[in-house]
All heavy atoms as atom14 arrays in JSON, in Angstrom:
{
  "sequence": "QVQLVESGGGLVQPGGSLRLSCAASGSGFSTYTMAWYRQAPGKQRDV",
  "atom14_mask": [
    [1, 1, 1, 1, 1, 1, 1, 1, 1, 0, 0, 0, 0, 0],
    [1, 1, 1, 1, 1, 1, 1, 0, 0, 0, 0, 0, 0, 0],
    [1, 1, 1, 1, 1, 1, 1, 1, 1, 0, 0, 0, 0, 0],
    [1, 1, 1, 1, 1, 1, 1, 1, 0, 0, 0, 0, 0, 0],
    [1, 1, 1, 1, 1, 1, 1, 0, 0, 0, 0, 0, 0, 0],
    [1, 1, 1, 1, 1, 1, 1, 1, 1, 0, 0, 0, 0, 0],
    [1, 1, 1, 1, 1, 1, 0, 0, 0, 0, 0, 0, 0, 0],
    [1, 1, 1, 1, 0, 0, 0, 0, 0, 0, 0, 0, 0, 0],
    [1, 1, 1, 1, 0, 0, 0, 0, 0, 0, 0, 0, 0, 0],
    [1, 1, 1, 1, 0, 0, 0, 0, 0, 0, 0, 0, 0, 0],
    [1, 1, 1, 1, 1, 1, 1, 1, 0, 0, 0, 0, 0, 0],
    [1, 1, 1, 1, 1, 1, 1, 0, 0, 0, 0, 0, 0, 0],
    [1, 1, 1, 1, 1, 1, 1, 1, 1, 0, 0, 0, 0, 0],
    [1, 1, 1, 1, 1, 1, 1, 0, 0, 0, 0, 0, 0, 0],
    [1, 1, 1, 1, 0, 0, 0, 0, 0, 0, 0, 0, 0, 0],
    [1, 1, 1, 1, 0, 0, 0, 0, 0, 0, 0, 0, 0, 0],
    [1, 1, 1, 1, 1, 1, 0, 0, 0, 0, 0, 0, 0, 0],
    [1, 1, 1, 1, 1, 1, 1, 1, 0, 0, 0, 0, 0, 0],
    [1, 1, 1, 1, 1, 1, 1, 1, 1, 1, 1, 0, 0, 0],
    [1, 1, 1, 1, 1, 1, 1, 1, 0, 0, 0, 0, 0, 0],
    [1, 1, 1, 1, 1, 1, 0, 0, 0, 0, 0, 0, 0, 0],
    [1, 1, 1, 1, 1, 1, 0, 0, 0, 0, 0, 0, 0, 0],
    [1, 1, 1, 1, 1, 0, 0, 0, 0, 0, 0, 0, 0, 0],
    [1, 1, 1, 1, 1, 0, 0, 0, 0, 0, 0, 0, 0, 0],
    [1, 1, 1, 1, 1, 1, 0, 0, 0, 0, 0, 0, 0, 0],
    [1, 1, 1, 1, 0, 0, 0, 0, 0, 0, 0, 0, 0, 0],
    [1, 1, 1, 1, 1, 1, 0, 0, 0, 0, 0, 0, 0, 0],
    [1, 1, 1, 1, 0, 0, 0, 0, 0, 0, 0, 0, 0, 0],
    [1, 1, 1, 1, 1, 1, 1, 1, 1, 1, 1, 0, 0, 0],
    [1, 1, 1, 1, 1, 1, 0, 0, 0, 0, 0, 0, 0, 0],
    [1, 1, 1, 1, 1, 1, 1, 0, 0, 0, 0, 0, 0, 0],
    [1, 1, 1, 1, 1, 1, 1, 1, 1, 1, 1, 1, 0, 0],
    [1, 1, 1, 1, 1, 1, 1, 0, 0, 0, 0, 0, 0, 0],
    [1, 1, 1, 1, 1, 1, 1, 1, 0, 0, 0, 0, 0, 0],
    [1, 1, 1, 1, 1, 0, 0, 0, 0, 0, 0, 0, 0, 0],
    [1, 1, 1, 1, 1, 1, 1, 1, 1, 1, 1, 1, 1, 1],
    [1, 1, 1, 1, 1, 1, 1, 1, 1, 1, 1, 1, 0, 0],
    [1, 1, 1, 1, 1, 1, 1, 1, 1, 1, 1, 0, 0, 0],
    [1, 1, 1, 1, 1, 1, 1, 1, 1, 0, 0, 0, 0, 0],
    [1, 1, 1, 1, 1, 0, 0, 0, 0, 0, 0, 0, 0, 0],
    [1, 1, 1, 1, 1, 1, 1, 0, 0, 0, 0, 0, 0, 0],
    [1, 1, 1, 1, 0, 0, 0, 0, 0, 0, 0, 0, 0, 0],
    [1, 1, 1, 1, 1, 1, 1, 1, 1, 0, 0, 0, 0, 0],
    [1, 1, 1, 1, 1, 1, 1, 1, 1, 0, 0, 0, 0, 0],
    [1, 1, 1, 1, 1, 1, 1, 1, 1, 1, 1, 0, 0, 0],
    [1, 1, 1, 1, 1, 1, 1, 1, 0, 0, 0, 0, 0, 0],
    [1, 1, 1, 1, 1, 1, 1, 0, 0, 0, 0, 0, 0, 0]
  ],
  "atom14_positions": [
    [[13.93, 40.22, 84.01], [15.18, 40.9, 83.7], [15.03, 41.61, 82.35], [14.52, 41.04, 81.39], [16.34, 39.92, 83.64], [17.7, 40.55, 83.46], [18.2, 41.22, 84.72], [17.66, 41.0, 85.79], [19.2, 42.06, 84.58], [0.0, 0.0, 0.0], [0.0, 0.0, 0.0], [0.0, 0.0, 0.0], [0.0, 0.0, 0.0], [0.0, 0.0, 0.0]],
    [[15.49, 42.85, 82.28], [15.42, 43.64, 81.06], [16.83, 44.11, 80.72], [17.55, 44.6, 81.59], [14.5, 44.86, 81.24], [14.55, 45.75, 80.01], [13.08, 44.4, 81.52], [0.0, 0.0, 0.0], [0.0, 0.0, 0.0], [0.0, 0.0, 0.0], [0.0, 0.0, 0.0], [0.0, 0.0, 0.0], [0.0, 0.0, 0.0], [0.0, 0.0, 0.0]],
    [[17.19, 43.97, 79.49], [18.46, 44.51, 79.0], [18.16, 45.63, 78.02], [17.3, 45.5, 77.15], [19.3, 43.42, 78.35], [19.8, 42.37, 79.34], [20.7, 41.33, 78.7], [20.48, 40.94, 77.56], [21.7, 40.88, 79.42], [0.0, 0.0, 0.0], [0.0, 0.0, 0.0], [0.0, 0.0, 0.0], [0.0, 0.0, 0.0], [0.0, 0.0, 0.0]],
    [[18.89, 46.73, 78.17], [18.66, 47.92, 77.36], [19.93, 48.26, 76.58], [21.02, 48.27, 77.15], [18.28, 49.1, 78.26], [17.08, 48.89, 79.19], [16.95, 50.07, 80.14], [15.82, 48.71, 78.37], [0.0, 0.0, 0.0], [0.0, 0.0, 0.0], [0.0, 0.0, 0.0], [0.0, 0.0, 0.0], [0.0, 0.0, 0.0], [0.0, 0.0, 0.0]],
    [[19.75, 48.56, 75.3], [20.88, 48.93, 74.45], [20.54, 50.23, 73.74], [19.6, 50.28, 72.93], [21.2, 47.83, 73.43], [22.35, 48.27, 72.53], [21.53, 46.52, 74.14], [0.0, 0.0, 0.0], [0.0, 0.0, 0.0], [0.0, 0.0, 0.0], [0.0, 0.0, 0.0], [0.0, 0.0, 0.0], [0.0, 0.0, 0.0], [0.0, 0.0, 0.0]],
    [[21.32, 51.28, 74.04], [21.13, 52.56, 73.39], [21.95, 52.65, 72.12], [23.01, 52.03, 72.01], [21.56, 53.72, 74.31], [20.82, 53.79, 75.63], [21.62, 53.19, 76.77], [22.45, 52.29, 76.5], [21.43, 53.61, 77.92], [0.0, 0.0, 0.0], [0.0, 0.0, 0.0], [0.0, 0.0, 0.0], [0.0, 0.0, 0.0], [0.0, 0.0, 0.0]],
    [[21.47, 53.45, 71.19], [22.21, 53.73, 69.96], [21.78, 55.08, 69.43], [20.78, 55.65, 69.88], [21.94, 52.63, 68.91], [20.57, 52.58, 68.57], [0.0, 0.0, 0.0], [0.0, 0.0, 0.0], [0.0, 0.0, 0.0], [0.0, 0.0, 0.0], [0.0, 0.0, 0.0], [0.0, 0.0, 0.0], [0.0, 0.0, 0.0], [0.0, 0.0, 0.0]],
    [[22.56, 55.59, 68.46], [22.19, 56.83, 67.81], [22.99, 58.04, 68.23], [22.8, 59.14, 67.68], [0.0, 0.0, 0.0], [0.0, 0.0, 0.0], [0.0, 0.0, 0.0], [0.0, 0.0, 0.0], [0.0, 0.0, 0.0], [0.0, 0.0, 0.0], [0.0, 0.0, 0.0], [0.0, 0.0, 0.0], [0.0, 0.0, 0.0], [0.0, 0.0, 0.0]],
    [[23.86, 57.9, 69.2], [24.67, 59.02, 69.62], [25.74, 59.35, 68.59], [25.93, 58.63, 67.61], [0.0, 0.0, 0.0], [0.0, 0.0, 0.0], [0.0, 0.0, 0.0], [0.0, 0.0, 0.0], [0.0, 0.0, 0.0], [0.0, 0.0, 0.0], [0.0, 0.0, 0.0], [0.0, 0.0, 0.0], [0.0, 0.0, 0.0], [0.0, 0.0, 0.0]],
    [[26.44, 60.46, 68.83], [27.5, 60.85, 67.92], [27.85, 62.3, 68.06], [27.46, 62.97, 69.02], [0.0, 0.0, 0.0], [0.0, 0.0, 0.0], [0.0, 0.0, 0.0], [0.0, 0.0, 0.0], [0.0, 0.0, 0.0], [0.0, 0.0, 0.0], [0.0, 0.0, 0.0], [0.0, 0.0, 0.0], [0.0, 0.0, 0.0], [0.0, 0.0, 0.0]],
    [[28.59, 62.79, 67.08], [29.01, 64.19, 67.04], [28.09, 64.96, 66.1], [27.87, 64.52, 64.96], [30.45, 64.28, 66.56], [31.02, 65.68, 66.3], [31.08, 66.47, 67.6], [32.4, 65.58, 65.65], [0.0, 0.0, 0.0], [0.0, 0.0, 0.0], [0.0, 0.0, 0.0], [0.0, 0.0, 0.0], [0.0, 0.0, 0.0], [0.0, 0.0, 0.0]],
    [[27.59, 66.09, 66.57], [26.69, 66.9, 65.76], [27.0, 68.36, 66.0], [27.44, 68.74, 67.1], [25.21, 66.58, 66.09], [24.87, 66.91, 67.52], [24.26, 67.25, 65.12], [0.0, 0.0, 0.0], [0.0, 0.0, 0.0], [0.0, 0.0, 0.0], [0.0, 0.0, 0.0], [0.0, 0.0, 0.0], [0.0, 0.0, 0.0], [0.0, 0.0, 0.0]],
    [[26.78, 69.19, 64.99], [27.01, 70.62, 65.14], [25.86, 71.28, 65.89], [24.72, 70.79, 65.87], [27.17, 71.26, 63.76], [28.43, 70.84, 63.03], [28.62, 71.61, 61.73], [27.7, 72.2, 61.19], [29.85, 71.59, 61.23], [0.0, 0.0, 0.0], [0.0, 0.0, 0.0], [0.0, 0.0, 0.0], [0.0, 0.0, 0.0], [0.0, 0.0, 0.0]],
    [[26.14, 72.39, 66.53], [25.04, 73.14, 67.19], [23.91, 73.43, 66.2], [24.17, 73.8, 65.05], [25.73, 74.42, 67.66], [27.15, 74.02, 67.86], [27.45, 73.02, 66.77], [0.0, 0.0, 0.0], [0.0, 0.0, 0.0], [0.0, 0.0, 0.0], [0.0, 0.0, 0.0], [0.0, 0.0, 0.0], [0.0, 0.0, 0.0], [0.0, 0.0, 0.0]],
    [[22.69, 73.25, 66.67], [21.52, 73.43, 65.82], [21.09, 72.18, 65.11], [20.01, 72.15, 64.5], [0.0, 0.0, 0.0], [0.0, 0.0, 0.0], [0.0, 0.0, 0.0], [0.0, 0.0, 0.0], [0.0, 0.0, 0.0], [0.0, 0.0, 0.0], [0.0, 0.0, 0.0], [0.0, 0.0, 0.0], [0.0, 0.0, 0.0], [0.0, 0.0, 0.0]],
    [[21.9, 71.14, 65.18], [21.59, 69.9, 64.5], [20.65, 69.01, 65.29], [20.16, 69.38, 66.37], [0.0, 0.0, 0.0], [0.0, 0.0, 0.0], [0.0, 0.0, 0.0], [0.0, 0.0, 0.0], [0.0, 0.0, 0.0], [0.0, 0.0, 0.0], [0.0, 0.0, 0.0], [0.0, 0.0, 0.0], [0.0, 0.0, 0.0], [0.0, 0.0, 0.0]],
    [[20.39, 67.82, 64.73], [19.45, 66.88, 65.34], [20.07, 65.48, 65.43], [20.93, 65.12, 64.61], [18.18, 66.79, 64.49], [17.51, 68.03, 64.45], [0.0, 0.0, 0.0], [0.0, 0.0, 0.0], [0.0, 0.0, 0.0], [0.0, 0.0, 0.0], [0.0, 0.0, 0.0], [0.0, 0.0, 0.0], [0.0, 0.0, 0.0], [0.0, 0.0, 0.0]],
    [[19.6, 64.74, 66.4], [19.92, 63.33, 66.54], [18.69, 62.62, 67.07], [17.88, 63.22, 67.79], [21.07, 63.1, 67.52], [22.51, 63.38, 67.08], [23.45, 63.2, 68.27], [22.91, 62.47, 65.94], [0.0, 0.0, 0.0], [0.0, 0.0, 0.0], [0.0, 0.0, 0.0], [0.0, 0.0, 0.0], [0.0, 0.0, 0.0], [0.0, 0.0, 0.0]],
    [[18.58, 61.34, 66.74], [17.55, 60.52, 67.35], [18.21, 59.33, 68.04], [18.88, 58.53, 67.39], [16.54, 60.02, 66.33], [15.36, 59.32, 67.01], [14.29, 58.87, 66.05], [14.62, 57.63, 65.37], [13.72, 56.8, 64.84], [12.42, 57.11, 64.92], [14.1, 55.7, 64.21], [0.0, 0.0, 0.0], [0.0, 0.0, 0.0], [0.0, 0.0, 0.0]],
    [[18.02, 59.26, 69.33], [18.53, 58.14, 70.11], [17.47, 57.04, 70.17], [16.26, 57.33, 70.24], [18.88, 58.56, 71.52], [19.87, 59.72, 71.66], [20.18, 59.96, 73.14], [21.14, 59.47, 70.88], [0.0, 0.0, 0.0], [0.0, 0.0, 0.0], [0.0, 0.0, 0.0], [0.0, 0.0, 0.0], [0.0, 0.0, 0.0], [0.0, 0.0, 0.0]],
    [[17.94, 55.81, 70.16], [17.05, 54.65, 70.31], [17.5, 53.82, 71.49], [18.7, 53.74, 71.78], [17.07, 53.79, 69.03], [16.65, 54.51, 67.9], [0.0, 0.0, 0.0], [0.0, 0.0, 0.0], [0.0, 0.0, 0.0], [0.0, 0.0, 0.0], [0.0, 0.0, 0.0], [0.0, 0.0, 0.0], [0.0, 0.0, 0.0], [0.0, 0.0, 0.0]],
    [[16.56, 53.18, 72.13], [16.86, 52.27, 73.23], [16.02, 51.02, 73.01], [14.79, 51.07, 73.11], [16.54, 52.9, 74.57], [16.66, 51.77, 75.97], [0.0, 0.0, 0.0], [0.0, 0.0, 0.0], [0.0, 0.0, 0.0], [0.0, 0.0, 0.0], [0.0, 0.0, 0.0], [0.0, 0.0, 0.0], [0.0, 0.0, 0.0], [0.0, 0.0, 0.0]],
    [[16.7, 49.93, 72.68], [16.02, 48.67, 72.43], [16.07, 47.8, 73.68], [17.13, 47.63, 74.27], [16.67, 47.95, 71.26], [0.0, 0.0, 0.0], [0.0, 0.0, 0.0], [0.0, 0.0, 0.0], [0.0, 0.0, 0.0], [0.0, 0.0, 0.0], [0.0, 0.0, 0.0], [0.0, 0.0, 0.0], [0.0, 0.0, 0.0], [0.0, 0.0, 0.0]],
    [[14.93, 47.27, 74.04], [14.83, 46.45, 75.25], [14.61, 44.99, 74.9], [13.86, 44.68, 73.97], [13.68, 46.94, 76.12], [0.0, 0.0, 0.0], [0.0, 0.0, 0.0], [0.0, 0.0, 0.0], [0.0, 0.0, 0.0], [0.0, 0.0, 0.0], [0.0, 0.0, 0.0], [0.0, 0.0, 0.0], [0.0, 0.0, 0.0], [0.0, 0.0, 0.0]],
    [[15.27, 44.14, 75.62], [15.02, 42.7, 75.51], [14.35, 42.22, 76.78], [14.43, 42.87, 77.81], [16.33, 41.94, 75.28], [17.18, 42.09, 76.39], [0.0, 0.0, 0.0], [0.0, 0.0, 0.0], [0.0, 0.0, 0.0], [0.0, 0.0, 0.0], [0.0, 0.0, 0.0], [0.0, 0.0, 0.0], [0.0, 0.0, 0.0], [0.0, 0.0, 0.0]],
    [[13.71, 41.07, 76.7], [12.97, 40.58, 77.85], [11.5, 40.92, 77.72], [11.08, 41.61, 76.81], [0.0, 0.0, 0.0], [0.0, 0.0, 0.0], [0.0, 0.0, 0.0], [0.0, 0.0, 0.0], [0.0, 0.0, 0.0], [0.0, 0.0, 0.0], [0.0, 0.0, 0.0], [0.0, 0.0, 0.0], [0.0, 0.0, 0.0], [0.0, 0.0, 0.0]],
    [[10.73, 40.44, 78.65], [9.28, 40.6, 78.57], [8.82, 41.8, 79.37], [9.53, 42.32, 80.22], [8.6, 39.33, 79.09], [8.95, 39.13, 80.45], [0.0, 0.0, 0.0], [0.0, 0.0, 0.0], [0.0, 0.0, 0.0], [0.0, 0.0, 0.0], [0.0, 0.0, 0.0], [0.0, 0.0, 0.0], [0.0, 0.0, 0.0], [0.0, 0.0, 0.0]],
    [[7.61, 42.22, 79.06], [6.97, 43.25, 79.87], [7.31, 44.68, 79.52], [6.99, 45.59, 80.3], [0.0, 0.0, 0.0], [0.0, 0.0, 0.0], [0.0, 0.0, 0.0], [0.0, 0.0, 0.0], [0.0, 0.0, 0.0], [0.0, 0.0, 0.0], [0.0, 0.0, 0.0], [0.0, 0.0, 0.0], [0.0, 0.0, 0.0], [0.0, 0.0, 0.0]],
    [[7.9, 44.9, 78.34], [8.31, 46.26, 77.98], [7.16, 47.24, 78.08], [7.33, 48.36, 78.57], [8.89, 46.27, 76.57], [9.24, 47.65, 76.08], [10.43, 48.25, 76.45], [8.39, 48.35, 75.22], [10.76, 49.53, 76.0], [8.7, 49.61, 74.77], [9.89, 50.21, 75.16], [0.0, 0.0, 0.0], [0.0, 0.0, 0.0], [0.0, 0.0, 0.0]],
    [[5.99, 46.84, 77.62], [4.87, 47.78, 77.58], [4.41, 48.23, 78.96], [3.7, 49.23, 79.08], [3.7, 47.16, 76.81], [3.22, 46.01, 77.5], [0.0, 0.0, 0.0], [0.0, 0.0, 0.0], [0.0, 0.0, 0.0], [0.0, 0.0, 0.0], [0.0, 0.0, 0.0], [0.0, 0.0, 0.0], [0.0, 0.0, 0.0], [0.0, 0.0, 0.0]],
    [[4.81, 47.52, 79.98], [4.38, 47.88, 81.35], [5.38, 48.81, 82.05], [5.08, 49.32, 83.12], [4.22, 46.63, 82.21], [5.5, 46.0, 82.39], [3.27, 45.64, 81.57], [0.0, 0.0, 0.0], [0.0, 0.0, 0.0], [0.0, 0.0, 0.0], [0.0, 0.0, 0.0], [0.0, 0.0, 0.0], [0.0, 0.0, 0.0], [0.0, 0.0, 0.0]],
    [[6.53, 49.0, 81.43], [7.56, 49.81, 82.07], [7.4, 51.3, 81.77], [7.03, 51.69, 80.66], [8.95, 49.38, 81.6], [9.42, 48.09, 82.21], [9.03, 46.86, 81.69], [10.26, 48.09, 83.31], [9.46, 45.68, 82.25], [10.7, 46.92, 83.89], [10.3, 45.71, 83.34], [10.73, 44.54, 83.92], [0.0, 0.0, 0.0], [0.0, 0.0, 0.0]],
    [[7.69, 52.12, 82.75], [7.96, 53.53, 82.48], [9.38, 53.62, 81.97], [10.3, 53.07, 82.57], [7.8, 54.37, 83.75], [6.41, 54.43, 84.09], [8.32, 55.77, 83.55], [0.0, 0.0, 0.0], [0.0, 0.0, 0.0], [0.0, 0.0, 0.0], [0.0, 0.0, 0.0], [0.0, 0.0, 0.0], [0.0, 0.0, 0.0], [0.0, 0.0, 0.0]],
    [[9.54, 54.32, 80.86], [10.86, 54.47, 80.25], [11.33, 55.91, 80.4], [10.52, 56.85, 80.39], [10.8, 54.09, 78.77], [10.34, 52.66, 78.51], [11.41, 51.42, 79.24], [12.95, 51.73, 78.37], [0.0, 0.0, 0.0], [0.0, 0.0, 0.0], [0.0, 0.0, 0.0], [0.0, 0.0, 0.0], [0.0, 0.0, 0.0], [0.0, 0.0, 0.0]],
    [[12.63, 56.06, 80.52], [13.18, 57.4, 80.7], [14.54, 57.51, 80.04], [15.25, 56.51, 79.87], [13.3, 57.72, 82.19], [0.0, 0.0, 0.0], [0.0, 0.0, 0.0], [0.0, 0.0, 0.0], [0.0, 0.0, 0.0], [0.0, 0.0, 0.0], [0.0, 0.0, 0.0], [0.0, 0.0, 0.0], [0.0, 0.0, 0.0], [0.0, 0.0, 0.0]],
    [[14.87, 58.73, 79.68], [16.21, 59.08, 79.24], [16.84, 59.99, 80.29], [16.19, 60.95, 80.74], [16.19, 59.79, 77.9], [15.89, 58.9, 76.74], [14.68, 58.69, 76.15], [16.83, 58.08, 76.04], [14.81, 57.79, 75.12], [16.12, 57.41, 75.03], [18.2, 57.86, 76.16], [16.73, 56.52, 74.13], [18.81, 56.98, 75.27], [18.09, 56.32, 74.27]],
    [[18.07, 59.68, 80.65], [18.88, 60.5, 81.55], [20.13, 60.92, 80.79], [20.49, 60.33, 79.78], [19.3, 59.7, 82.79], [18.22, 59.49, 83.81], [17.17, 58.62, 83.58], [18.27, 60.16, 85.04], [16.19, 58.41, 84.54], [17.29, 59.96, 86.01], [16.26, 59.08, 85.75], [15.3, 58.89, 86.71], [0.0, 0.0, 0.0], [0.0, 0.0, 0.0]],
    [[20.8, 61.92, 81.33], [22.09, 62.29, 80.77], [23.03, 62.71, 81.89], [22.6, 63.18, 82.94], [21.96, 63.39, 79.73], [21.54, 64.75, 80.27], [21.35, 65.72, 79.11], [20.96, 67.05, 79.56], [20.63, 68.05, 78.75], [20.63, 67.85, 77.42], [20.29, 69.24, 79.23], [0.0, 0.0, 0.0], [0.0, 0.0, 0.0], [0.0, 0.0, 0.0]],
    [[24.31, 62.5, 81.61], [25.34, 62.86, 82.57], [26.52, 63.48, 81.85], [27.17, 62.81, 81.04], [25.78, 61.63, 83.37], [26.72, 61.95, 84.51], [26.91, 60.76, 85.42], [26.66, 59.61, 85.07], [27.33, 61.03, 86.65], [0.0, 0.0, 0.0], [0.0, 0.0, 0.0], [0.0, 0.0, 0.0], [0.0, 0.0, 0.0], [0.0, 0.0, 0.0]],
    [[26.78, 64.73, 82.16], [27.93, 65.43, 81.61], [29.12, 65.21, 82.53], [28.94, 64.91, 83.72], [27.62, 66.91, 81.46], [0.0, 0.0, 0.0], [0.0, 0.0, 0.0], [0.0, 0.0, 0.0], [0.0, 0.0, 0.0], [0.0, 0.0, 0.0], [0.0, 0.0, 0.0], [0.0, 0.0, 0.0], [0.0, 0.0, 0.0], [0.0, 0.0, 0.0]],
    [[30.34, 65.37, 82.03], [31.53, 65.16, 82.87], [31.5, 66.02, 84.12], [31.25, 67.23, 84.04], [32.68, 65.56, 81.94], [32.15, 65.32, 80.57], [30.69, 65.67, 80.63], [0.0, 0.0, 0.0], [0.0, 0.0, 0.0], [0.0, 0.0, 0.0], [0.0, 0.0, 0.0], [0.0, 0.0, 0.0], [0.0, 0.0, 0.0], [0.0, 0.0, 0.0]],
    [[31.71, 65.39, 85.27], [31.77, 66.12, 86.52], [30.42, 66.52, 87.08], [30.36, 67.23, 88.09], [0.0, 0.0, 0.0], [0.0, 0.0, 0.0], [0.0, 0.0, 0.0], [0.0, 0.0, 0.0], [0.0, 0.0, 0.0], [0.0, 0.0, 0.0], [0.0, 0.0, 0.0], [0.0, 0.0, 0.0], [0.0, 0.0, 0.0], [0.0, 0.0, 0.0]],
    [[29.34, 66.08, 86.43], [28.0, 66.45, 86.9], [27.19, 65.22, 87.24], [27.54, 64.1, 86.87], [27.3, 67.29, 85.83], [27.96, 68.62, 85.56], [27.11, 69.49, 84.64], [27.73, 70.85, 84.45], [26.89, 71.74, 83.58], [0.0, 0.0, 0.0], [0.0, 0.0, 0.0], [0.0, 0.0, 0.0], [0.0, 0.0, 0.0], [0.0, 0.0, 0.0]],
    [[26.1, 65.42, 87.94], [25.24, 64.3, 88.31], [24.39, 63.89, 87.11], [24.26, 64.63, 86.15], [24.34, 64.68, 89.47], [23.3, 65.75, 89.15], [22.44, 66.11, 90.34], [22.81, 65.89, 91.49], [21.27, 66.66, 90.09], [0.0, 0.0, 0.0], [0.0, 0.0, 0.0], [0.0, 0.0, 0.0], [0.0, 0.0, 0.0], [0.0, 0.0, 0.0]],
    [[23.87, 62.68, 87.21], [22.97, 62.18, 86.16], [21.57, 62.77, 86.39], [20.99, 62.64, 87.45], [22.93, 60.64, 86.22], [22.21, 60.01, 85.06], [22.28, 58.5, 85.13], [23.66, 58.01, 85.01], [23.97, 56.71, 84.9], [23.01, 55.8, 84.87], [25.23, 56.36, 84.82], [0.0, 0.0, 0.0], [0.0, 0.0, 0.0], [0.0, 0.0, 0.0]],
    [[21.04, 63.4, 85.37], [19.74, 64.06, 85.46], [18.76, 63.46, 84.46], [19.14, 63.06, 83.36], [19.87, 65.56, 85.18], [20.64, 66.3, 86.26], [20.5, 65.94, 87.44], [21.38, 67.24, 85.91], [0.0, 0.0, 0.0], [0.0, 0.0, 0.0], [0.0, 0.0, 0.0], [0.0, 0.0, 0.0], [0.0, 0.0, 0.0], [0.0, 0.0, 0.0]],
    [[17.51, 63.46, 84.84], [16.47, 62.97, 83.94], [16.22, 64.0, 82.84], [16.18, 65.21, 83.09], [15.18, 62.65, 84.71], [14.6, 63.89, 85.37], [14.16, 61.97, 83.81], [0.0, 0.0, 0.0], [0.0, 0.0, 0.0], [0.0, 0.0, 0.0], [0.0, 0.0, 0.0], [0.0, 0.0, 0.0], [0.0, 0.0, 0.0], [0.0, 0.0, 0.0]]
  ]
}
């Protein structure tokens, strides 16, 4: 079992930068393929 906790989001102006983090608990992290997805209102979740 793996638990994932994202952080680093927020409000930023156009042209700005953010760094998101995803911390995993549980064993075997190094064996996993990791991905970021996003979902805007009314749209599907995309990789």
